[in-house]
Amino acid sequence: MHRTPRATSTLTGLTALVCIAAVTGCSSAPAPSTPAAASGSAAAGKFVIGFEQPLGGQAWREMGLASLQALAASPAYKDKVELKIVRTNDNDAAQQNAAMQNLIADGVDLILFDPASSSGADAAITQAAAQGIPVIANGGPYDGDDVYIVSTDWANAGTIGADWLLENLGENKNVAVLEGLAGVPLNEGSMPGVIERLEAGGATVVAQDTNGWNEATAQEAMSNILRSNPDIGGVYSFLTGGQGVPEAFSAAGLPFVPVVGGSGYNGEACELVESGPKGLSGDMVFGQPAIYAKGLEQAVKLLEGGTIEKAQYFPPLEITNDNAADYCLADKPANFQLGYDFPGLDLSLDEVLKYYSGS
């Protein structure tokens, strides 16, 4: 049974990009503020589902949004769902919390959000719980009894890569480690376990930096490390770096070493295809951005009266030398994001690309 939405309110006071996305697409215009605009979905008998994303522009998140919208537009969902997608900036937890409170005021039936922090949306979540609006952390973990979780098992993603690196190191056990983006829950929850696993397995971490979840940043950080410490036997780079790190070694004129990356960019898969014969070995461990679509599937199931698990963690994908040729898309750019589909949802690339705004 659908609730009747209250009048829509705009996201005033936020330095945010607001995007209201029905299944027909997405615009950068502010949210409509008239009751007539807000009541359209009620007349159509659809569930109004809000999605809050705190860090736009990254290919992973752009592909996630595209997969979300593609599923909403699919025959099984198009008559059930209206999406309200709100995007805020700079992984700012306060902005995210305010945006979620505005979605509550707009009268959504459920909120999906990719957490900017592990607790920064507590006020909005408490408000939603008081009004009977379910909230699902979608894409990363969140601490709180009133939140469902539909996420990649990021902690396991970290240790999978660490284990692979330990198995593939040669006699040189000196490793460099590049963390992702400091402060983001999935990074903070994973990296301590990665370091512990590497050191317990006999590796010596001789240099650390950040990749910022950007291949260019990963290449620059690795280049800086190699200038002062060229005797590296392996590299662990969390969720990015499978292209930038090997390019740093090439630019420095050094032989390849085993590399763990995992942005899921097309360039990572193609780098393994092209440089594997030259000695590069790699394990690119990443979560499908289509986890957003999986969150929508679970949201609809819950709104239709079904039962879903409170915390759902899904295994990451791995691209290695053995399967890289299956993922490398010769007609797509290096920063094209893979992982557009989620097991069981059967989204085609063409369906998702209708909504994809990345490269």
Protein backbone atom coordinates (compact mmCIF):
# COMPACT_ATOMS: atom_id res chain seq x y z
CA MET A 1 0.00 0.00 0.00
CA HIS A 2 1.42 3.35 -1.03
CA ARG A 3 1.53 6.37 1.21
CA THR A 4 0.34 9.70 -0.22
CA PRO A 5 3.37 11.97 -0.67
CA ARG A 6 3.42 15.28 1.10
CA ALA A 7 4.18 18.44 -0.86
CA THR A 8 7.64 18.46 -2.36
CA SER A 9 10.24 20.85 -0.95
CA THR A 10 13.34 22.03 -2.70
CA LEU A 11 16.86 21.45 -1.33
CA THR A 12 17.41 25.07 -0.32
CA GLY A 13 20.57 25.95 1.55
CA LEU A 14 22.59 23.08 0.09
CA THR A 15 25.52 23.63 -2.24
CA ALA A 16 24.42 20.50 -4.03
CA LEU A 17 23.56 19.23 -7.43
CA VAL A 18 19.98 18.06 -7.29
CA CYS A 19 18.70 15.63 -9.82
CA ILE A 20 15.15 14.32 -9.92
CA ALA A 21 15.24 11.21 -12.05
CA ALA A 22 12.15 9.38 -13.11
CA VAL A 23 12.58 6.32 -15.28
CA THR A 24 12.77 8.59 -18.31
CA GLY A 25 16.11 10.09 -17.30
CA CYS A 26 17.78 12.77 -15.24
CA SER A 27 18.21 16.52 -15.33
CA SER A 28 20.25 18.98 -13.33
CA ALA A 29 17.26 21.23 -12.60
CA PRO A 30 16.11 21.76 -9.00
CA ALA A 31 13.37 19.54 -7.62
CA PRO A 32 9.83 20.64 -8.51
CA SER A 33 8.16 22.41 -5.61
CA THR A 34 4.51 22.23 -6.58
CA PRO A 35 2.06 19.74 -5.05
CA ALA A 36 0.97 18.74 -8.54
CA ALA A 37 4.47 17.60 -9.43
CA ALA A 38 4.78 15.66 -6.20
CA SER A 39 1.43 13.90 -6.60
CA GLY A 40 2.06 12.49 -10.05
CA SER A 41 3.53 9.25 -8.77
CA ALA A 42 0.69 8.77 -6.31
CA ALA A 43 -1.82 9.03 -9.14
CA ALA A 44 0.16 6.45 -11.06
CA GLY A 45 0.21 4.14 -8.02
CA LYS A 46 4.00 3.97 -7.90
CA PHE A 47 6.38 3.70 -4.99
CA VAL A 48 8.43 6.87 -4.67
CA ILE A 49 11.99 5.87 -3.82
CA GLY A 50 14.66 8.43 -3.01
CA PHE A 51 18.32 7.82 -3.71
CA GLU A 52 20.98 10.05 -2.13
CA GLN A 53 24.48 9.99 -3.57
CA PRO A 54 27.17 12.10 -1.86
CA LEU A 55 29.96 12.02 -4.41
CA GLY A 56 29.15 12.35 -8.09
CA GLY A 57 31.38 12.34 -11.13
CA GLN A 58 33.21 9.08 -10.49
CA ALA A 59 32.66 6.46 -13.17
CA TRP A 60 31.75 3.83 -10.56
CA ARG A 61 28.94 5.94 -9.15
CA GLU A 62 27.79 7.11 -12.59
CA MET A 63 27.48 3.50 -13.70
CA GLY A 64 25.69 2.65 -10.46
CA LEU A 65 23.11 5.36 -11.08
CA ALA A 66 22.70 4.26 -14.68
CA SER A 67 22.09 0.67 -13.57
CA LEU A 68 19.61 1.88 -10.96
CA GLN A 69 17.65 3.85 -13.54
CA ALA A 70 17.83 1.06 -16.11
CA LEU A 71 16.26 -1.39 -13.66
CA ALA A 72 13.59 1.16 -12.73
CA ALA A 73 12.75 1.49 -16.45
CA SER A 74 12.63 -2.26 -17.06
CA PRO A 75 9.26 -3.96 -17.70
CA ALA A 76 9.14 -5.48 -14.22
CA TYR A 77 9.63 -2.13 -12.46
CA LYS A 78 8.50 0.74 -14.68
CA ASP A 79 4.89 0.65 -13.43
CA LYS A 80 5.94 0.27 -9.80
CA VAL A 81 8.69 2.81 -9.20
CA GLU A 82 9.43 6.51 -9.45
CA LEU A 83 12.99 7.51 -8.50
CA LYS A 84 14.03 10.76 -6.89
CA ILE A 85 17.81 10.94 -7.19
CA VAL A 86 19.55 13.62 -5.14
CA ARG A 87 23.27 14.22 -5.46
CA THR A 88 25.38 16.20 -3.03
CA ASN A 89 29.04 17.14 -3.11
CA ASP A 90 32.45 16.16 -1.75
CA ASN A 91 31.30 13.15 0.28
CA ASP A 92 29.91 15.65 2.80
CA ALA A 93 27.96 13.80 5.49
CA ALA A 94 26.13 16.93 6.65
CA GLN A 95 24.91 17.63 3.12
CA GLN A 96 23.81 14.03 2.76
CA ASN A 97 21.88 14.14 6.02
CA ALA A 98 20.09 17.36 5.00
CA ALA A 99 19.27 15.96 1.57
CA MET A 100 17.77 12.83 3.13
CA GLN A 101 15.65 14.97 5.44
CA ASN A 102 14.37 16.82 2.39
CA LEU A 103 13.46 13.50 0.77
CA ILE A 104 11.47 12.65 3.88
CA ALA A 105 9.68 15.99 3.60
CA ASP A 106 9.00 15.21 -0.07
CA GLY A 107 7.04 12.15 1.03
CA VAL A 108 9.14 9.31 -0.36
CA ASP A 109 8.20 5.76 0.53
CA LEU A 110 11.79 4.59 1.04
CA ILE A 111 15.31 6.04 0.97
CA LEU A 112 18.35 4.41 -0.56
CA PHE A 113 21.68 6.14 0.14
CA ASP A 114 25.35 5.51 -0.49
CA PRO A 115 26.85 6.40 2.92
CA ALA A 116 29.19 9.38 3.09
CA SER A 117 30.20 8.27 6.59
CA SER A 118 29.35 5.54 9.06
CA SER A 119 27.08 7.71 11.21
CA GLY A 120 26.60 11.12 9.57
CA ALA A 121 23.00 10.48 8.50
CA ASP A 122 21.77 9.44 11.95
CA ALA A 123 19.42 12.41 12.34
CA ALA A 124 17.68 11.74 9.03
CA ILE A 125 17.48 8.02 9.73
CA THR A 126 15.92 8.62 13.13
CA GLN A 127 13.38 10.94 11.52
CA ALA A 128 12.61 8.38 8.81
CA ALA A 129 12.16 5.60 11.36
CA ALA A 130 9.72 7.74 13.34
CA GLN A 131 7.63 8.17 10.19
CA GLY A 132 7.82 4.53 9.12
CA ILE A 133 10.07 5.18 6.11
CA PRO A 134 12.58 2.37 5.54
CA VAL A 135 16.19 3.36 4.85
CA ILE A 136 18.71 1.18 3.01
CA ALA A 137 22.46 1.87 2.97
CA ASN A 138 23.29 0.94 -0.60
CA GLY A 139 26.86 0.64 -1.80
CA GLY A 140 28.68 0.76 1.52
CA PRO A 141 28.14 -0.17 5.18
CA TYR A 142 26.48 1.97 7.83
CA ASP A 143 26.28 1.69 11.63
CA GLY A 144 22.73 1.78 12.94
CA ASP A 145 19.88 -0.46 14.01
CA ASP A 146 17.34 1.38 11.83
CA VAL A 147 19.20 0.83 8.56
CA TYR A 148 19.12 -2.05 6.12
CA ILE A 149 22.38 -2.69 4.27
CA VAL A 150 22.79 -3.83 0.66
CA SER A 151 26.50 -3.57 -0.06
CA THR A 152 29.54 -5.16 -1.56
CA ASP A 153 31.57 -7.04 1.05
CA TRP A 154 34.27 -4.39 0.95
CA ALA A 155 36.25 -5.75 3.90
CA ASN A 156 36.49 -9.11 2.15
CA ALA A 157 37.41 -7.33 -1.08
CA GLY A 158 40.41 -5.89 0.71
CA THR A 159 41.69 -9.17 2.09
CA ILE A 160 41.07 -11.06 -1.16
CA GLY A 161 43.54 -8.73 -2.86
CA ALA A 162 46.00 -8.97 0.04
CA ASP A 163 45.94 -12.76 -0.07
CA TRP A 164 46.48 -12.76 -3.83
CA LEU A 165 49.47 -10.44 -3.49
CA LEU A 166 51.06 -12.60 -0.81
CA GLU A 167 50.68 -15.65 -3.04
CA ASN A 168 52.25 -13.88 -6.01
CA LEU A 169 55.17 -12.07 -4.40
CA GLY A 170 58.61 -13.33 -5.33
CA GLU A 171 61.67 -13.17 -3.10
CA ASN A 172 61.25 -9.42 -2.70
CA LYS A 173 58.61 -9.00 0.03
CA ASN A 174 58.75 -5.17 0.09
CA VAL A 175 55.34 -3.80 -0.85
CA ALA A 176 53.83 -0.39 -1.41
CA VAL A 177 50.27 0.28 -0.26
CA LEU A 178 47.90 2.89 -1.67
CA GLU A 179 44.69 3.36 0.28
CA GLY A 180 41.56 4.73 -1.37
CA LEU A 181 39.81 7.83 -0.04
CA ALA A 182 40.43 8.55 3.63
CA GLY A 183 37.34 8.99 5.77
CA VAL A 184 34.97 6.97 3.59
CA PRO A 185 33.53 4.04 5.56
CA LEU A 186 34.47 1.32 3.10
CA ASN A 187 38.07 2.55 3.03
CA GLU A 188 38.39 2.94 6.80
CA GLY A 189 36.74 -0.41 7.42
CA SER A 190 38.98 -2.29 5.00
CA MET A 191 42.51 -0.87 5.12
CA PRO A 192 43.48 -1.90 8.68
CA GLY A 193 42.65 -5.50 7.79
CA VAL A 194 44.65 -5.25 4.58
CA ILE A 195 47.79 -4.02 6.35
CA GLU A 196 47.40 -6.65 9.06
CA ARG A 197 46.97 -9.44 6.49
CA LEU A 198 49.97 -8.34 4.44
CA GLU A 199 52.28 -8.06 7.44
CA ALA A 200 51.08 -11.32 8.96
CA GLY A 201 51.79 -13.01 5.64
CA GLY A 202 55.42 -11.92 5.62
CA ALA A 203 55.26 -8.75 3.52
CA THR A 204 56.97 -5.56 4.64
CA VAL A 205 55.07 -2.36 3.93
CA VAL A 206 57.83 0.07 2.98
CA ALA A 207 55.74 2.90 1.53
CA GLN A 208 52.17 4.16 1.81
CA ASP A 209 50.13 6.80 0.02
CA THR A 210 46.62 7.29 -1.36
CA ASN A 211 45.15 6.70 -4.80
CA GLY A 212 42.10 8.93 -4.22
CA TRP A 213 40.13 6.36 -6.24
CA ASN A 214 41.53 7.92 -9.37
CA GLU A 215 43.91 6.23 -11.80
CA ALA A 216 45.88 9.41 -12.47
CA THR A 217 46.36 9.94 -8.73
CA ALA A 218 47.41 6.31 -8.34
CA GLN A 219 50.01 6.73 -11.08
CA GLU A 220 51.37 9.93 -9.53
CA ALA A 221 51.55 8.42 -6.04
CA MET A 222 53.29 5.32 -7.33
CA SER A 223 55.74 7.41 -9.34
CA ASN A 224 56.64 9.40 -6.23
CA ILE A 225 57.22 6.21 -4.27
CA LEU A 226 59.43 4.71 -6.97
CA ARG A 227 61.68 7.79 -7.07
CA SER A 228 62.75 7.23 -3.48
CA ASN A 229 62.13 3.51 -3.17
CA PRO A 230 62.47 1.65 -6.47
CA ASP A 231 63.04 -1.73 -4.79
CA ILE A 232 59.37 -2.67 -4.59
CA GLY A 233 58.31 -6.30 -4.96
CA GLY A 234 54.56 -5.76 -5.14
CA VAL A 235 51.84 -3.13 -4.91
CA TYR A 236 48.50 -3.16 -3.14
CA SER A 237 46.22 -0.34 -4.30
CA PHE A 238 42.71 -0.37 -2.84
CA LEU A 239 39.91 -0.22 -5.43
CA THR A 240 41.94 1.69 -8.04
CA GLY A 241 45.37 1.49 -9.61
CA GLY A 242 45.35 -1.47 -11.95
CA GLN A 243 46.19 0.86 -14.81
CA GLY A 244 47.96 3.78 -13.13
CA VAL A 245 50.38 1.68 -11.09
CA PRO A 246 51.73 -0.36 -14.04
CA GLU A 247 52.07 2.85 -16.04
CA ALA A 248 54.22 4.31 -13.24
CA PHE A 249 56.53 1.31 -13.45
CA SER A 250 56.73 1.63 -17.24
CA ALA A 251 57.50 5.35 -17.03
CA ALA A 252 60.25 4.65 -14.48
CA GLY A 253 61.77 1.98 -16.71
CA LEU A 254 61.29 -0.67 -14.02
CA PRO A 255 60.07 -4.24 -14.54
CA PHE A 256 56.49 -4.98 -13.58
CA VAL A 257 55.65 -6.41 -10.16
CA PRO A 258 52.41 -8.07 -9.02
CA VAL A 259 49.71 -5.43 -8.64
CA VAL A 260 46.38 -5.42 -6.83
CA GLY A 261 43.96 -2.78 -8.10
CA GLY A 262 40.24 -2.71 -8.52
CA SER A 263 38.56 0.36 -9.95
CA GLY A 264 36.73 -1.91 -12.35
CA TYR A 265 37.71 0.39 -15.20
CA ASN A 266 37.98 -1.04 -18.66
CA GLY A 267 41.59 0.15 -18.67
CA GLU A 268 42.50 -2.26 -15.88
CA ALA A 269 41.26 -5.26 -17.83
CA CYS A 270 42.88 -4.08 -21.04
CA GLU A 271 46.16 -3.32 -19.24
CA LEU A 272 46.35 -6.95 -18.15
CA VAL A 273 45.59 -8.10 -21.69
CA GLU A 274 48.25 -5.83 -23.21
CA SER A 275 50.97 -6.04 -20.55
CA GLY A 276 50.45 -9.56 -19.29
CA PRO A 277 52.77 -10.95 -21.99
CA LYS A 278 55.37 -8.39 -20.82
CA GLY A 279 55.35 -9.70 -17.26
CA LEU A 280 52.47 -7.88 -15.56
CA SER A 281 50.32 -9.96 -13.23
CA GLY A 282 47.38 -8.47 -11.44
CA ASP A 283 44.22 -8.98 -9.45
CA MET A 284 41.60 -6.27 -9.91
CA VAL A 285 39.09 -6.68 -7.09
CA PHE A 286 36.02 -4.46 -7.24
CA GLY A 287 32.35 -4.29 -6.36
CA GLN A 288 29.82 -4.01 -9.14
CA PRO A 289 28.38 -0.48 -9.27
CA ALA A 290 25.12 -2.22 -10.16
CA ILE A 291 24.80 -2.87 -6.42
CA TYR A 292 22.60 0.24 -6.63
CA ALA A 293 20.18 -1.70 -8.80
CA LYS A 294 20.30 -4.58 -6.34
CA GLY A 295 19.33 -2.10 -3.65
CA LEU A 296 16.32 -1.04 -5.70
CA GLU A 297 15.26 -4.65 -6.15
CA GLN A 298 15.37 -5.17 -2.38
CA ALA A 299 13.59 -1.87 -1.73
CA VAL A 300 10.64 -2.84 -3.92
CA LYS A 301 10.47 -6.26 -2.32
CA LEU A 302 10.29 -4.63 1.10
CA LEU A 303 7.66 -2.09 0.05
CA GLU A 304 5.53 -4.83 -1.43
CA GLY A 305 5.37 -6.47 1.97
CA GLY A 306 8.19 -8.96 1.57
CA THR A 307 10.97 -9.72 4.01
CA ILE A 308 14.60 -8.91 3.27
CA GLU A 309 17.74 -9.61 5.27
CA LYS A 310 18.81 -6.72 7.47
CA ALA A 311 22.44 -6.80 6.27
CA GLN A 312 23.32 -8.17 2.84
CA TYR A 313 26.96 -8.25 1.73
CA PHE A 314 27.84 -9.49 -1.74
CA PRO A 315 31.21 -10.79 -2.94
CA PRO A 316 33.34 -8.58 -5.20
CA LEU A 317 34.37 -9.36 -8.74
CA GLU A 318 37.96 -10.21 -9.67
CA ILE A 319 39.68 -9.53 -12.98
CA THR A 320 42.96 -11.41 -13.35
CA ASN A 321 45.24 -12.39 -16.20
CA ASP A 322 43.07 -15.47 -16.67
CA ASN A 323 39.80 -13.65 -17.43
CA ALA A 324 40.88 -10.12 -18.42
CA ALA A 325 40.16 -10.76 -22.11
CA ASP A 326 36.52 -11.47 -21.21
CA TYR A 327 36.16 -7.99 -19.66
CA CYS A 328 38.35 -5.77 -21.87
CA LEU A 329 36.12 -3.80 -24.26
CA ALA A 330 38.22 -2.64 -27.19
CA ASP A 331 35.57 -0.14 -28.32
CA LYS A 332 35.31 1.61 -24.92
CA PRO A 333 37.71 4.13 -23.33
CA ALA A 334 40.04 3.19 -20.51
CA ASN A 335 37.88 4.90 -17.88
CA PHE A 336 34.69 3.15 -18.95
CA GLN A 337 33.25 1.50 -15.86
CA LEU A 338 32.62 -2.23 -15.88
CA GLY A 339 30.17 -4.01 -13.57
CA TYR A 340 26.99 -2.57 -15.08
CA ASP A 341 24.99 -5.71 -14.28
CA PHE A 342 24.35 -7.55 -11.04
CA PRO A 343 23.86 -11.33 -10.90
CA GLY A 344 20.20 -12.16 -11.33
CA LEU A 345 19.07 -8.74 -12.59
CA ASP A 346 20.02 -9.36 -16.23
CA LEU A 347 20.58 -5.76 -17.29
CA SER A 348 22.06 -5.38 -20.76
CA LEU A 349 24.83 -2.90 -21.50
CA ASP A 350 22.63 -1.12 -24.04
CA GLU A 351 19.86 -0.67 -21.45
CA VAL A 352 22.26 0.81 -18.92
CA LEU A 353 24.04 3.08 -21.39
CA LYS A 354 20.76 4.96 -21.97
CA TYR A 355 21.33 6.52 -18.54
CA TYR A 356 25.12 6.54 -18.26
CA SER A 357 26.69 9.99 -18.18
CA GLY A 358 30.32 8.91 -17.83
CA SER A 359 32.92 8.49 -20.54
